[in-house]
C-alpha atoms as a PDB file:
ATOM      1  CA  MET A   1     108.707-117.846 134.706  1.00  0.00           C
ATOM      2  CA  GLN A   2     111.918-116.206 133.493  1.00  0.00           C
ATOM      3  CA  LEU A   3     113.459-118.622 131.035  1.00  0.00           C
ATOM      4  CA  ARG A   4     116.603-116.508 130.869  1.00  0.00           C
ATOM      5  CA  TYR A   5     117.231-117.189 134.552  1.00  0.00           C
ATOM      6  CA  VAL A   6     116.526-120.898 134.128  1.00  0.00           C
ATOM      7  CA  PHE A   7     119.004-121.293 131.296  1.00  0.00           C
ATOM      8  CA  SER A   8     121.535-119.126 133.109  1.00  0.00           C
ATOM      9  CA  GLU A   9     121.273-121.430 136.119  1.00  0.00           C
ATOM     10  CA  LEU A  10     121.584-124.417 133.788  1.00  0.00           C
ATOM     11  CA  GLY A  11     124.868-123.124 132.367  1.00  0.00           C
ATOM     12  CA  GLN A  12     126.238-122.273 135.793  1.00  0.00           C
ATOM     13  CA  GLY A  13     125.229-125.662 137.163  1.00  0.00           C
ATOM     14  CA  LEU A  14     126.962-127.480 134.324  1.00  0.00           C
ATOM     15  CA  ARG A  15     130.125-125.429 134.854  1.00  0.00           C
ATOM     16  CA  ARG A  16     130.142-125.768 138.664  1.00  0.00           C
ATOM     17  CA  ASN A  17     130.005-129.559 138.590  1.00  0.00           C
ATOM     18  CA  LEU A  18     131.685-130.150 135.246  1.00  0.00           C
ATOM     19  CA  THR A  19     133.775-133.126 136.348  1.00  0.00           C
ATOM     20  CA  MET A  20     130.776-134.774 138.015  1.00  0.00           C
ATOM     21  CA  HIS A  21     128.638-134.267 134.903  1.00  0.00           C
ATOM     22  CA  VAL A  22     131.417-135.700 132.732  1.00  0.00           C
ATOM     23  CA  ALA A  23     131.533-138.739 135.018  1.00  0.00           C
ATOM     24  CA  VAL A  24     127.759-139.171 134.708  1.00  0.00           C
ATOM     25  CA  VAL A  25     127.920-138.840 130.915  1.00  0.00           C
ATOM     26  CA  LEU A  26     130.730-141.395 130.619  1.00  0.00           C
ATOM     27  CA  THR A  27     128.969-143.834 132.922  1.00  0.00           C
ATOM     28  CA  LEU A  28     125.742-143.420 130.971  1.00  0.00           C
ATOM     29  CA  PHE A  29     127.634-143.856 127.716  1.00  0.00           C
ATOM     30  CA  VAL A  30     129.159-147.175 128.765  1.00  0.00           C
ATOM     31  CA  SER A  31     126.045-148.530 130.483  1.00  0.00           C
ATOM     32  CA  LEU A  32     123.663-147.539 127.668  1.00  0.00           C
ATOM     33  CA  THR A  33     126.059-148.948 125.068  1.00  0.00           C
ATOM     34  CA  LEU A  34     126.056-152.272 126.904  1.00  0.00           C
ATOM     35  CA  VAL A  35     122.260-152.191 127.182  1.00  0.00           C
ATOM     36  CA  GLY A  36     122.067-151.514 123.443  1.00  0.00           C
ATOM     37  CA  LEU A  37     124.454-154.413 122.771  1.00  0.00           C
ATOM     38  CA  GLY A  38     122.224-156.646 124.876  1.00  0.00           C
ATOM     39  CA  VAL A  39     119.209-155.603 122.814  1.00  0.00           C
ATOM     40  CA  LEU A  40     121.111-156.229 119.568  1.00  0.00           C
ATOM     41  CA  LEU A  41     122.303-159.654 120.732  1.00  0.00           C
ATOM     42  CA  ASN A  42     118.778-160.599 121.736  1.00  0.00           C
ATOM     43  CA  GLN A  43     117.550-159.670 118.262  1.00  0.00           C
ATOM     44  CA  GLN A  44     120.490-161.555 116.736  1.00  0.00           C
ATOM     45  CA  ALA A  45     119.481-164.706 118.617  1.00  0.00           C
ATOM     46  CA  ASP A  46     115.913-164.285 117.341  1.00  0.00           C
ATOM     47  CA  LYS A  47     117.107-163.850 113.734  1.00  0.00           C
ATOM     48  CA  ALA A  48     119.347-166.909 113.954  1.00  0.00           C
ATOM     49  CA  ALA A  49     116.541-168.962 115.490  1.00  0.00           C
ATOM     50  CA  SER A  50     114.048-167.852 112.835  1.00  0.00           C
ATOM     51  CA  TYR A  51     116.408-169.033 110.066  1.00  0.00           C
ATOM     52  CA  TRP A  52     118.103-172.100 111.515  1.00  0.00           C
ATOM     53  CA  GLY A  53     115.761-172.971 114.347  1.00  0.00           C
ATOM     54  CA  SER A  54     116.381-172.888 118.060  1.00  0.00           C
ATOM     55  CA  GLN A  55     118.065-175.596 120.106  1.00  0.00           C
ATOM     56  CA  LEU A  56     114.609-177.141 120.553  1.00  0.00           C
ATOM     57  CA  GLN A  57     113.873-177.391 116.838  1.00  0.00           C
ATOM     58  CA  ILE A  58     114.551-179.775 113.988  1.00  0.00           C
ATOM     59  CA  THR A  59     113.608-179.213 110.358  1.00  0.00           C
ATOM     60  CA  VAL A  60     112.025-181.801 108.077  1.00  0.00           C
ATOM     61  CA  TRP A  61     112.645-181.076 104.396  1.00  0.00           C
ATOM     62  CA  LEU A  62     109.798-182.144 102.129  1.00  0.00           C
ATOM     63  CA  CYS A  63     110.233-183.449  98.605  1.00  0.00           C
ATOM     64  CA  LYS A  64     110.331-181.060  95.665  1.00  0.00           C
ATOM     65  CA  GLU A  65     110.558-181.378  91.915  1.00  0.00           C
ATOM     66  CA  LYS A  66     113.982-182.677  90.811  1.00  0.00           C
ATOM     67  CA  ASP A  67     114.894-183.506  94.396  1.00  0.00           C
ATOM     68  CA  ASP A  68     118.378-184.868  95.109  1.00  0.00           C
ATOM     69  CA  ASN A  69     116.861-187.651  97.217  1.00  0.00           C
ATOM     70  CA  PRO A  70     116.097-190.609  94.892  1.00  0.00           C
ATOM     71  CA  ALA A  71     113.207-191.586  97.169  1.00  0.00           C
ATOM     72  CA  CYS A  72     111.359-188.422  96.091  1.00  0.00           C
ATOM     73  CA  THR A  73     109.373-188.918  92.903  1.00  0.00           C
ATOM     74  CA  GLY A  74     108.119-185.356  92.714  1.00  0.00           C
ATOM     75  CA  GLU A  75     106.642-182.503  94.714  1.00  0.00           C
ATOM     76  CA  VAL A  76     105.168-183.525  98.065  1.00  0.00           C
ATOM     77  CA  THR A  77     101.380-183.936  97.801  1.00  0.00           C
ATOM     78  CA  ASP A  78      98.719-182.651 100.167  1.00  0.00           C
ATOM     79  CA  ALA A  79      97.904-186.221 101.213  1.00  0.00           C
ATOM     80  CA  GLN A  80     101.543-186.855 102.092  1.00  0.00           C
ATOM     81  CA  LYS A  81     101.697-183.621 104.073  1.00  0.00           C
ATOM     82  CA  GLN A  82      98.610-184.645 106.011  1.00  0.00           C
ATOM     83  CA  ALA A  83     100.176-188.014 106.840  1.00  0.00           C
ATOM     84  CA  ILE A  84     103.390-186.326 107.981  1.00  0.00           C
ATOM     85  CA  GLU A  85     101.406-183.861 110.081  1.00  0.00           C
ATOM     86  CA  LYS A  86      99.441-186.670 111.755  1.00  0.00           C
ATOM     87  CA  VAL A  87     102.608-188.534 112.739  1.00  0.00           C
ATOM     88  CA  THR A  88     104.122-185.318 114.062  1.00  0.00           C
ATOM     89  CA  LYS A  89     101.017-184.277 115.964  1.00  0.00           C
ATOM     90  CA  ASP A  90     100.673-187.673 117.679  1.00  0.00           C
ATOM     91  CA  ASN A  91     104.329-187.936 118.721  1.00  0.00           C
ATOM     92  CA  PRO A  92     104.866-187.334 122.475  1.00  0.00           C
ATOM     93  CA  GLU A  93     108.260-185.689 121.910  1.00  0.00           C
ATOM     94  CA  VAL A  94     106.727-182.818 119.904  1.00  0.00           C
ATOM     95  CA  ALA A  95     105.702-179.603 121.636  1.00  0.00           C
ATOM     96  CA  ASP A  96     104.696-177.652 118.512  1.00  0.00           C
ATOM     97  CA  TYR A  97     105.157-177.613 114.755  1.00  0.00           C
ATOM     98  CA  HIS A  98     104.455-175.513 111.677  1.00  0.00           C
ATOM     99  CA  PHE A  99     104.864-175.810 107.918  1.00  0.00           C
ATOM    100  CA  GLU A 100     106.985-173.381 105.934  1.00  0.00           C
ATOM    101  CA  SER A 101     106.023-172.681 102.330  1.00  0.00           C
ATOM    102  CA  LYS A 102     108.315-172.247  99.342  1.00  0.00           C
ATOM    103  CA  GLU A 103     107.721-168.506  99.394  1.00  0.00           C
ATOM    104  CA  GLN A 104     108.663-168.210 103.069  1.00  0.00           C
ATOM    105  CA  ALA A 105     111.841-170.217 102.476  1.00  0.00           C
ATOM    106  CA  PHE A 106     112.699-168.037  99.483  1.00  0.00           C
ATOM    107  CA  GLU A 107     112.323-164.870 101.552  1.00  0.00           C
ATOM    108  CA  LYS A 108     114.763-166.278 104.130  1.00  0.00           C
ATOM    109  CA  VAL A 109     117.311-167.081 101.431  1.00  0.00           C
ATOM    110  CA  LYS A 110     117.009-163.591  99.969  1.00  0.00           C
ATOM    111  CA  GLU A 111     117.501-162.049 103.406  1.00  0.00           C
ATOM    112  CA  LEU A 112     120.588-164.195 104.010  1.00  0.00           C
ATOM    113  CA  LEU A 113     122.301-163.841 100.629  1.00  0.00           C
ATOM    114  CA  GLY A 114     120.891-160.490  99.502  1.00  0.00           C
ATOM    115  CA  PRO A 115     117.996-159.812  97.101  1.00  0.00           C
ATOM    116  CA  ASP A 116     120.286-158.693  94.256  1.00  0.00           C
ATOM    117  CA  LYS A 117     121.259-162.286  93.436  1.00  0.00           C
ATOM    118  CA  PHE A 118     117.631-163.205  92.827  1.00  0.00           C
ATOM    119  CA  GLN A 119     116.675-160.379  90.484  1.00  0.00           C
ATOM    120  CA  GLY A 120     116.982-159.971  86.752  1.00  0.00           C
ATOM    121  CA  PRO A 121     116.374-162.371  83.851  1.00  0.00           C
ATOM    122  CA  ASN A 122     118.673-165.124  85.234  1.00  0.00           C
ATOM    123  CA  PRO A 123     118.201-165.251  89.013  1.00  0.00           C
ATOM    124  CA  ALA A 124     120.234-167.680  91.101  1.00  0.00           C
ATOM    125  CA  ALA A 125     116.998-169.301  92.287  1.00  0.00           C
ATOM    126  CA  THR A 126     113.275-168.742  92.463  1.00  0.00           C
ATOM    127  CA  ALA A 127     110.596-169.638  94.981  1.00  0.00           C
ATOM    128  CA  ALA A 128     109.795-172.737  92.911  1.00  0.00           C
ATOM    129  CA  ASP A 129     113.305-174.063  93.581  1.00  0.00           C
ATOM    130  CA  MET A 130     112.828-173.947  97.345  1.00  0.00           C
ATOM    131  CA  PRO A 131     111.627-176.999  99.287  1.00  0.00           C
ATOM    132  CA  GLN A 132     108.700-176.911 101.650  1.00  0.00           C
ATOM    133  CA  SER A 133     109.584-177.804 105.222  1.00  0.00           C
ATOM    134  CA  LEU A 134     108.145-178.782 108.563  1.00  0.00           C
ATOM    135  CA  TRP A 135     109.592-177.101 111.660  1.00  0.00           C
ATOM    136  CA  ILE A 136     109.222-179.219 114.790  1.00  0.00           C
ATOM    137  CA  THR A 137     109.713-177.828 118.300  1.00  0.00           C
ATOM    138  CA  LEU A 138     110.706-180.462 120.829  1.00  0.00           C
ATOM    139  CA  LYS A 139     109.650-180.676 124.451  1.00  0.00           C
ATOM    140  CA  ASP A 140     113.149-181.789 125.425  1.00  0.00           C
ATOM    141  CA  PRO A 141     116.196-181.062 123.214  1.00  0.00           C
ATOM    142  CA  ASP A 142     117.663-184.440 124.164  1.00  0.00           C
ATOM    143  CA  GLN A 143     114.512-186.354 123.213  1.00  0.00           C
ATOM    144  CA  TYR A 144     114.437-186.294 119.420  1.00  0.00           C
ATOM    145  CA  LYS A 145     115.205-189.774 118.138  1.00  0.00           C
ATOM    146  CA  GLY A 146     111.579-190.903 118.272  1.00  0.00           C
ATOM    147  CA  ILE A 147     110.230-188.159 116.027  1.00  0.00           C
ATOM    148  CA  THR A 148     113.149-188.267 113.600  1.00  0.00           C
ATOM    149  CA  SER A 149     112.836-192.024 113.109  1.00  0.00           C
ATOM    150  CA  ALA A 150     109.064-191.686 112.747  1.00  0.00           C
ATOM    151  CA  VAL A 151     109.118-189.123 109.919  1.00  0.00           C
ATOM    152  CA  VAL A 152     112.344-189.918 108.075  1.00  0.00           C
ATOM    153  CA  GLY A 153     110.852-192.840 106.155  1.00  0.00           C
ATOM    154  CA  LEU A 154     107.508-191.254 105.310  1.00  0.00           C
ATOM    155  CA  ASP A 155     106.515-190.552 101.719  1.00  0.00           C
ATOM    156  CA  GLY A 156     107.170-186.924 100.818  1.00  0.00           C
ATOM    157  CA  VAL A 157     110.099-186.513 103.246  1.00  0.00           C
ATOM    158  CA  SER A 158     113.411-185.646 101.633  1.00  0.00           C
ATOM    159  CA  GLY A 159     115.559-185.326 104.731  1.00  0.00           C
ATOM    160  CA  ILE A 160     115.945-183.986 108.253  1.00  0.00           C
ATOM    161  CA  ARG A 161     118.215-181.212 109.447  1.00  0.00           C
ATOM    162  CA  ASP A 162     119.250-181.344 113.070  1.00  0.00           C
ATOM    163  CA  ALA A 163     121.511-178.333 113.510  1.00  0.00           C
ATOM    164  CA  ARG A 164     121.172-178.234 117.283  1.00  0.00           C
ATOM    165  CA  GLN A 165     124.624-179.590 118.048  1.00  0.00           C
ATOM    166  CA  THR A 166     126.262-177.504 115.321  1.00  0.00           C
ATOM    167  CA  LEU A 167     124.624-174.268 116.414  1.00  0.00           C
ATOM    168  CA  LYS A 168     124.736-174.908 120.148  1.00  0.00           C
ATOM    169  CA  PRO A 169     128.129-173.142 120.592  1.00  0.00           C
ATOM    170  CA  LEU A 170     126.869-170.171 118.565  1.00  0.00           C
ATOM    171  CA  TYR A 171     123.695-169.808 120.609  1.00  0.00           C
ATOM    172  CA  GLY A 172     125.684-170.308 123.809  1.00  0.00           C
ATOM    173  CA  SER A 173     128.109-167.530 122.840  1.00  0.00           C
ATOM    174  CA  ILE A 174     125.291-165.153 121.907  1.00  0.00           C
ATOM    175  CA  ASN A 175     123.469-165.818 125.171  1.00  0.00           C
ATOM    176  CA  ALA A 176     126.645-165.431 127.221  1.00  0.00           C
ATOM    177  CA  LEU A 177     127.479-162.124 125.528  1.00  0.00           C
ATOM    178  CA  GLN A 178     123.908-160.908 125.923  1.00  0.00           C
ATOM    179  CA  TRP A 179     123.682-161.635 129.653  1.00  0.00           C
ATOM    180  CA  GLY A 180     127.231-160.411 130.212  1.00  0.00           C
ATOM    181  CA  ALA A 181     126.439-157.087 128.545  1.00  0.00           C
ATOM    182  CA  LEU A 182     123.150-156.656 130.414  1.00  0.00           C
ATOM    183  CA  GLY A 183     124.683-157.725 133.744  1.00  0.00           C
ATOM    184  CA  THR A 184     127.579-155.291 133.435  1.00  0.00           C
ATOM    185  CA  ALA A 185     125.148-152.596 132.309  1.00  0.00           C
ATOM    186  CA  ALA A 186     123.045-153.161 135.429  1.00  0.00           C
ATOM    187  CA  PHE A 187     126.031-152.454 137.684  1.00  0.00           C
ATOM    188  CA  LEU A 188     126.894-149.342 135.670  1.00  0.00           C
ATOM    189  CA  VAL A 189     123.283-148.165 135.825  1.00  0.00           C
ATOM    190  CA  ILE A 190     123.519-148.290 139.620  1.00  0.00           C
ATOM    191  CA  ALA A 191     126.756-146.321 139.424  1.00  0.00           C
ATOM    192  CA  ALA A 192     125.050-143.756 137.184  1.00  0.00           C
ATOM    193  CA  LEU A 193     122.187-143.365 139.664  1.00  0.00           C
ATOM    194  CA  LEU A 194     124.655-142.793 142.513  1.00  0.00           C
ATOM    195  CA  LEU A 195     126.536-140.220 140.446  1.00  0.00           C
ATOM    196  CA  VAL A 196     123.296-138.408 139.634  1.00  0.00           C
ATOM    197  CA  ALA A 197     122.426-138.360 143.336  1.00  0.00           C
ATOM    198  CA  ASN A 198     125.841-136.896 144.230  1.00  0.00           C
ATOM    199  CA  THR A 199     125.554-134.346 141.442  1.00  0.00           C
ATOM    200  CA  ILE A 200     122.154-133.165 142.704  1.00  0.00           C
ATOM    201  CA  ARG A 201     123.427-132.995 146.280  1.00  0.00           C
ATOM    202  CA  LEU A 202     126.505-130.954 145.320  1.00  0.00           C
ATOM    203  CA  ALA A 203     124.498-128.673 143.043  1.00  0.00           C
ATOM    204  CA  ALA A 204     121.911-128.057 145.768  1.00  0.00           C
ATOM    205  CA  PHE A 205     124.668-127.303 148.294  1.00  0.00           C
ATOM    206  CA  ALA A 206     126.377-124.860 145.912  1.00  0.00           C
ATOM    207  CA  ARG A 207     123.100-122.985 145.346  1.00  0.00           C
ATOM    208  CA  ARG A 208     121.749-123.170 148.898  1.00  0.00           C
ATOM    209  CA  ARG A 209     121.666-119.377 149.316  1.00  0.00           C
ATOM    210  CA  GLU A 210     119.848-118.751 146.051  1.00  0.00           C
ATOM    211  CA  ILE A 211     117.400-121.557 146.808  1.00  0.00           C
ATOM    212  CA  GLY A 212     116.717-120.112 150.273  1.00  0.00           C
ATOM    213  CA  ILE A 213     116.026-116.678 148.820  1.00  0.00           C
ATOM    214  CA  MET A 214     113.787-118.156 146.131  1.00  0.00           C
ATOM    215  CA  ARG A 215     111.772-120.014 148.748  1.00  0.00           C
ATOM    216  CA  LEU A 216     111.372-116.802 150.770  1.00  0.00           C
ATOM    217  CA  VAL A 217     110.010-114.874 147.784  1.00  0.00           C
ATOM    218  CA  GLY A 218     107.552-117.680 147.000  1.00  0.00           C
ATOM    219  CA  ALA A 219     109.174-119.338 143.971  1.00  0.00           C
ATOM    220  CA  SER A 220     107.303-122.430 142.800  1.00  0.00           C
ATOM    221  CA  THR A 221     108.603-125.969 143.047  1.00  0.00           C
ATOM    222  CA  VAL A 222     108.888-126.280 139.278  1.00  0.00           C
ATOM    223  CA  TYR A 223     110.781-122.987 138.987  1.00  0.00           C
ATOM    224  CA  ILE A 224     113.419-124.066 141.515  1.00  0.00           C
ATOM    225  CA  ALA A 225     113.757-127.646 140.281  1.00  0.00           C
ATOM    226  CA  LEU A 226     113.734-126.913 136.532  1.00  0.00           C
ATOM    227  CA  PRO A 227     117.480-126.101 136.211  1.00  0.00           C
ATOM    228  CA  PHE A 228     118.308-129.406 137.902  1.00  0.00           C
ATOM    229  CA  LEU A 229     115.952-131.275 135.573  1.00  0.00           C
ATOM    230  CA  LEU A 230     117.469-129.578 132.536  1.00  0.00           C
ATOM    231  CA  GLU A 231     120.966-130.555 133.705  1.00  0.00           C
ATOM    232  CA  ALA A 232     119.806-134.155 133.998  1.00  0.00           C
ATOM    233  CA  LEU A 233     118.228-133.991 130.545  1.00  0.00           C
ATOM    234  CA  VAL A 234     121.384-132.539 128.966  1.00  0.00           C
ATOM    235  CA  THR A 235     123.596-135.249 130.462  1.00  0.00           C
ATOM    236  CA  ALA A 236     121.106-137.905 129.345  1.00  0.00           C
ATOM    237  CA  LEU A 237     121.005-136.571 125.776  1.00  0.00           C
ATOM    238  CA  ILE A 238     124.798-136.502 125.558  1.00  0.00           C
ATOM    239  CA  GLY A 239     125.044-140.014 126.998  1.00  0.00           C
ATOM    240  CA  VAL A 240     122.397-141.368 124.612  1.00  0.00           C
ATOM    241  CA  THR A 241     124.065-139.680 121.630  1.00  0.00           C
ATOM    242  CA  LEU A 242     127.464-141.154 122.492  1.00  0.00           C
ATOM    243  CA  ALA A 243     125.935-144.597 123.089  1.00  0.00           C
ATOM    244  CA  ALA A 244     124.078-144.452 119.760  1.00  0.00           C
ATOM    245  CA  GLY A 245     127.348-143.537 118.060  1.00  0.00           C
ATOM    246  CA  GLY A 246     129.125-146.406 119.806  1.00  0.00           C
ATOM    247  CA  LEU A 247     126.451-148.865 118.707  1.00  0.00           C
ATOM    248  CA  GLY A 248     126.633-147.504 115.167  1.00  0.00           C
ATOM    249  CA  ALA A 249     130.405-147.998 115.137  1.00  0.00           C
ATOM    250  CA  PHE A 250     129.946-151.555 116.429  1.00  0.00           C
ATOM    251  CA  MET A 251     127.375-152.290 113.720  1.00  0.00           C
ATOM    252  CA  TYR A 252     129.549-150.910 110.915  1.00  0.00           C
ATOM    253  CA  PHE A 253     133.062-151.935 111.909  1.00  0.00           C
ATOM    254  CA  GLY A 254     132.197-155.019 113.936  1.00  0.00           C
ATOM    255  CA  VAL A 255     129.202-156.643 112.262  1.00  0.00           C
ATOM    256  CA  HIS A 256     129.212-155.441 108.653  1.00  0.00           C
ATOM    257  CA  GLN A 257     132.950-155.094 108.073  1.00  0.00           C
ATOM    258  CA  ARG A 258     134.228-158.136 109.968  1.00  0.00           C
ATOM    259  CA  ILE A 259     131.547-160.639 110.940  1.00  0.00           C
ATOM    260  CA  GLU A 260     129.098-160.687 108.025  1.00  0.00           C
ATOM    261  CA  GLY A 261     131.719-161.459 105.396  1.00  0.00           C
ATOM    262  CA  LYS A 262     133.212-164.362 107.355  1.00  0.00           C
ATOM    263  CA  LEU A 263     130.098-165.854 108.965  1.00  0.00           C
ATOM    264  CA  ASN A 264     127.494-165.474 106.258  1.00  0.00           C
ATOM    265  CA  PHE A 265     125.631-168.714 106.992  1.00  0.00           C
ATOM    266  CA  ILE A 266     123.144-166.883 109.237  1.00  0.00           C
ATOM    267  CA  PRO A 267     121.422-163.498 108.848  1.00  0.00           C
ATOM    268  CA  TRP A 268     122.893-160.756 111.004  1.00  0.00           C
ATOM    269  CA  VAL A 269     121.330-157.726 112.624  1.00  0.00           C
ATOM    270  CA  GLY A 270     120.984-154.661 110.432  1.00  0.00           C
ATOM    271  CA  GLY A 271     119.570-151.161 110.342  1.00  0.00           C
ATOM    272  CA  SER A 272     116.123-151.973 111.685  1.00  0.00           C
ATOM    273  CA  GLU A 273     117.569-153.798 114.695  1.00  0.00           C
ATOM    274  CA  TYR A 274     119.942-150.890 115.312  1.00  0.00           C
ATOM    275  CA  VAL A 275     116.984-148.491 115.373  1.00  0.00           C
ATOM    276  CA  VAL A 276     115.235-150.683 117.960  1.00  0.00           C
ATOM    277  CA  ALA A 277     118.355-150.643 120.160  1.00  0.00           C
ATOM    278  CA  VAL A 278     118.687-146.853 119.859  1.00  0.00           C
ATOM    279  CA  ILE A 279     115.017-146.380 120.771  1.00  0.00           C
ATOM    280  CA  ALA A 280     115.547-148.572 123.842  1.00  0.00           C
ATOM    281  CA  ILE A 281     118.520-146.542 125.108  1.00  0.00           C
ATOM    282  CA  ALA A 282     116.819-143.259 124.159  1.00  0.00           C
ATOM    283  CA  ILE A 283     113.985-144.181 126.519  1.00  0.00           C
ATOM    284  CA  LEU A 284     116.222-145.578 129.255  1.00  0.00           C
ATOM    285  CA  GLY A 285     118.745-142.709 129.286  1.00  0.00           C
ATOM    286  CA  PRO A 286     116.392-139.890 130.368  1.00  0.00           C
ATOM    287  CA  ILE A 287     114.695-142.220 132.843  1.00  0.00           C
ATOM    288  CA  LEU A 288     118.040-142.885 134.553  1.00  0.00           C
ATOM    289  CA  THR A 289     118.659-139.159 135.060  1.00  0.00           C
ATOM    290  CA  LEU A 290     115.251-137.473 135.264  1.00  0.00           C
ATOM    291  CA  LEU A 291     113.606-139.945 137.630  1.00  0.00           C
ATOM    292  CA  PRO A 292     116.249-139.756 140.397  1.00  0.00           C
ATOM    293  CA  THR A 293     116.483-136.007 139.874  1.00  0.00           C
ATOM    294  CA  LEU A 294     112.742-135.617 140.467  1.00  0.00           C
ATOM    295  CA  VAL A 295     113.007-137.672 143.651  1.00  0.00           C
ATOM    296  CA  LEU A 296     116.193-136.125 145.003  1.00  0.00           C
ATOM    297  CA  THR A 297     115.324-132.504 144.313  1.00  0.00           C
ATOM    298  CA  ARG A 298     112.412-132.849 146.733  1.00  0.00           C
ATOM    299  CA  LYS A 299     114.812-134.157 149.358  1.00  0.00           C
ATOM    300  CA  TYR A 300     117.734-131.799 148.918  1.00  0.00           C
ATOM    301  CA  LEU A 301     115.839-128.657 147.946  1.00  0.00           C
ATOM    302  CA  LYS A 302     113.010-129.216 150.437  1.00  0.00           C
ATOM    303  CA  VAL A 303     110.471-127.547 148.200  1.00  0.00           C
END
């Protein structure tokens, strides 16, 4: 196989259909950016739920040393925790529950406020300052009064946090943005597939004489189709690169520069979540171009 010919055909193909390739790249850029935003928003909802609880959760704070609640005489005991667990387990409104230790709570606080504040000889707080808690998942978000009234007066319970109504608008906005981004991306993905199909058709028509000669001299299927596949790969790589840059700009200028400083009561997505989003679009981008190219080259090239 003459690689020089393949790359020569690649360059000519990109030049012949430059405007069509630009259209494909731009469509991929927008659609992949929206897919990446959907992935980021999904991770943001998970991070918010892991810290504050979902709309189906309430949090029961357990007593700690030097608790602000005068009913607490000291750290919750194992016997008190067992009694609280029994009441929770037997309540028909409860779907699931789990205890959170002081160390787990401390890790959440460090993630939210930054680990720097909790280092050095005089940290702002330590794990010993954190309360233990019981996270209760409800079967029905509107059926919660029974379990709250059942546990609020138990020994070892300091208080109950029901942030469902407070956080409901936030979760609703995140979900709306997530589905809006993914829905718009789906339409643009269809547009990208149609553009790829038109690009392959035009490229095959422009090279019909060369393709006919290559078939007559016995050129293999891979040899004829490879320039088309490389064109698809190049457009996909450019689209993915632009989308990754767009997501990076959104993370830096949108999340870190504007949102985090003003809404610092929940943890926000960071570098690790950005990497997950980039991996997702890096996989999706080539699929959107290479897969239809593989299918359509067999149709239009008849090899």
